Protein backbone atom coordinates (compact mmCIF):
# COMPACT_ATOMS: atom_id res chain seq x y z
CA UNK A 1 24.52 -23.18 -4.14
CA UNK A 2 24.21 -20.20 -6.47
CA UNK A 3 20.56 -21.06 -7.15
CA UNK A 4 19.82 -21.17 -3.43
CA UNK A 5 21.43 -17.77 -2.85
CA UNK A 6 19.60 -16.23 -5.82
CA UNK A 7 16.29 -17.66 -4.62
CA UNK A 8 16.77 -16.32 -1.10
CA UNK A 9 17.81 -12.90 -2.43
CA UNK A 10 14.71 -12.79 -4.65
CA UNK A 11 12.41 -13.60 -1.73
CA UNK A 12 14.03 -11.01 0.52
CA UNK A 13 13.90 -8.31 -2.14
CA UNK A 14 10.28 -9.14 -2.94
CA UNK A 15 9.33 -8.65 0.71
CA UNK A 16 11.39 -5.48 0.99
CA UNK A 17 9.46 -3.75 -1.78
CA UNK A 18 6.03 -5.22 -1.10
CA UNK A 19 3.08 -3.03 -0.21
CA UNK A 20 1.87 -4.77 2.91
CA UNK A 21 -0.30 -2.49 5.01
CA UNK A 22 -1.96 -2.65 8.40
CA UNK A 23 -4.94 -0.55 9.42
CA UNK A 24 -4.48 1.07 12.85
CA UNK A 25 -7.19 2.55 15.06
CA UNK A 26 -5.34 5.74 15.97
CA UNK A 27 -3.94 8.38 13.65
CA UNK A 28 -0.99 8.78 16.03
CA UNK A 29 0.08 5.17 15.38
CA UNK A 30 -0.09 5.57 11.60
CA UNK A 31 2.68 6.16 9.12
CA UNK A 32 0.17 7.51 6.59
CA UNK A 33 -3.32 8.94 7.08
CA UNK A 34 -5.63 7.86 4.25
CA UNK A 35 -9.01 9.01 2.98
CA UNK A 36 -11.08 6.83 0.64
CA UNK A 37 -12.55 8.84 -2.24
CA UNK A 38 -15.76 7.91 -4.02
CA UNK A 39 -14.20 8.48 -7.45
CA UNK A 40 -10.83 7.45 -8.83
CA UNK A 41 -10.49 10.88 -10.43
CA UNK A 42 -10.37 12.47 -6.95
CA UNK A 43 -7.67 10.08 -5.73
CA UNK A 44 -3.90 10.36 -5.56
CA UNK A 45 -3.62 6.58 -5.74
CA UNK A 46 -5.92 3.89 -7.13
CA UNK A 47 -5.53 0.80 -4.91
CA UNK A 48 -6.29 -2.83 -5.58
CA UNK A 49 -6.56 -5.19 -2.59
CA UNK A 50 -4.50 -8.29 -3.37
CA UNK A 51 -5.41 -11.72 -2.03
CA UNK A 52 -1.74 -12.65 -1.55
CA UNK A 53 1.19 -10.65 -0.22
CA UNK A 54 3.28 -11.95 -3.12
CA UNK A 55 1.02 -10.06 -5.56
CA UNK A 56 1.53 -6.78 -3.70
CA UNK A 57 4.83 -5.75 -5.22
CA UNK A 58 6.51 -2.41 -5.78
CA UNK A 59 4.83 0.91 -5.13
CA UNK A 60 2.04 0.58 -7.69
CA UNK A 61 -1.10 0.56 -5.55
CA UNK A 62 -1.24 -3.21 -5.11
CA UNK A 63 -1.86 -3.58 -1.37
CA UNK A 64 -2.11 -6.61 0.85
CA UNK A 65 -3.64 -6.07 4.30
CA UNK A 66 -1.81 -8.05 6.98
CA UNK A 67 -3.21 -9.06 10.36
CA UNK A 68 -0.22 -7.86 12.39
CA UNK A 69 1.35 -4.41 12.41
CA UNK A 70 4.77 -6.05 12.69
CA UNK A 71 4.33 -7.72 9.29
CA UNK A 72 3.35 -4.46 7.59
CA UNK A 73 5.56 -2.14 5.63
CA UNK A 74 3.15 0.76 6.30
CA UNK A 75 0.60 1.39 9.03
CA UNK A 76 -2.36 3.39 7.76
CA UNK A 77 -5.23 5.18 9.43
CA UNK A 78 -8.51 5.75 7.58
CA UNK A 79 -9.63 9.38 8.08
CA UNK A 80 -13.21 10.65 7.93
CA UNK A 81 -12.18 13.82 6.09
CA UNK A 82 -9.92 14.26 3.09
CA UNK A 83 -8.50 17.40 4.70
CA UNK A 84 -7.03 15.33 7.55
CA UNK A 85 -5.45 12.80 5.18
CA UNK A 86 -1.94 12.62 3.79
CA UNK A 87 -3.09 10.45 0.90
CA UNK A 88 -6.41 10.12 -0.95
CA UNK A 89 -7.06 6.66 -2.37
CA UNK A 90 -9.75 4.89 -4.35
CA UNK A 91 -10.31 1.11 -4.10
CA UNK A 92 -10.63 -0.52 -7.51
CA UNK A 93 -12.05 -3.94 -8.35
CA UNK A 94 -9.45 -4.39 -11.09
CA UNK A 95 -5.75 -5.03 -10.55
CA UNK A 96 -4.99 -3.24 -13.83
CA UNK A 97 -6.49 0.06 -12.59
CA UNK A 98 -4.00 0.28 -9.71
CA UNK A 99 -1.72 3.26 -10.30
CA UNK A 100 -0.51 6.56 -8.96
CA UNK A 101 -2.50 9.52 -10.24
CA UNK A 102 -0.26 12.01 -8.39
CA UNK A 103 3.46 11.28 -8.34
CA UNK A 104 4.01 14.05 -5.78
CA UNK A 105 2.77 11.77 -2.97
CA UNK A 106 4.46 8.59 -4.14
CA UNK A 107 7.15 8.88 -1.47
CA UNK A 108 4.55 8.37 1.28
CA UNK A 109 4.38 4.67 0.52
CA UNK A 110 8.12 3.93 0.24
């Protein structure tokens, strides 16, 4: 019984801190407005797109894009200008590059 409770608690806590995101079409529906930079040195956050929601843990820049806004922890809108954005990100091809470059904006994704 203890193992079952611990397993359920682990699954719930994993989902609670996962970085599941959904891309919305309107900035008014978004929790965070995002601009994609062309260089990781211009970004506040380097993001890696995970292939599984179980890989997208914590607030480290490991994102999993879900197909429903109800399954997402954050709804994001991709801006055309960095001046309209709350957060500037860079998409990396490597999971190990995912990290915050500016801790001042880390609270946007909690």
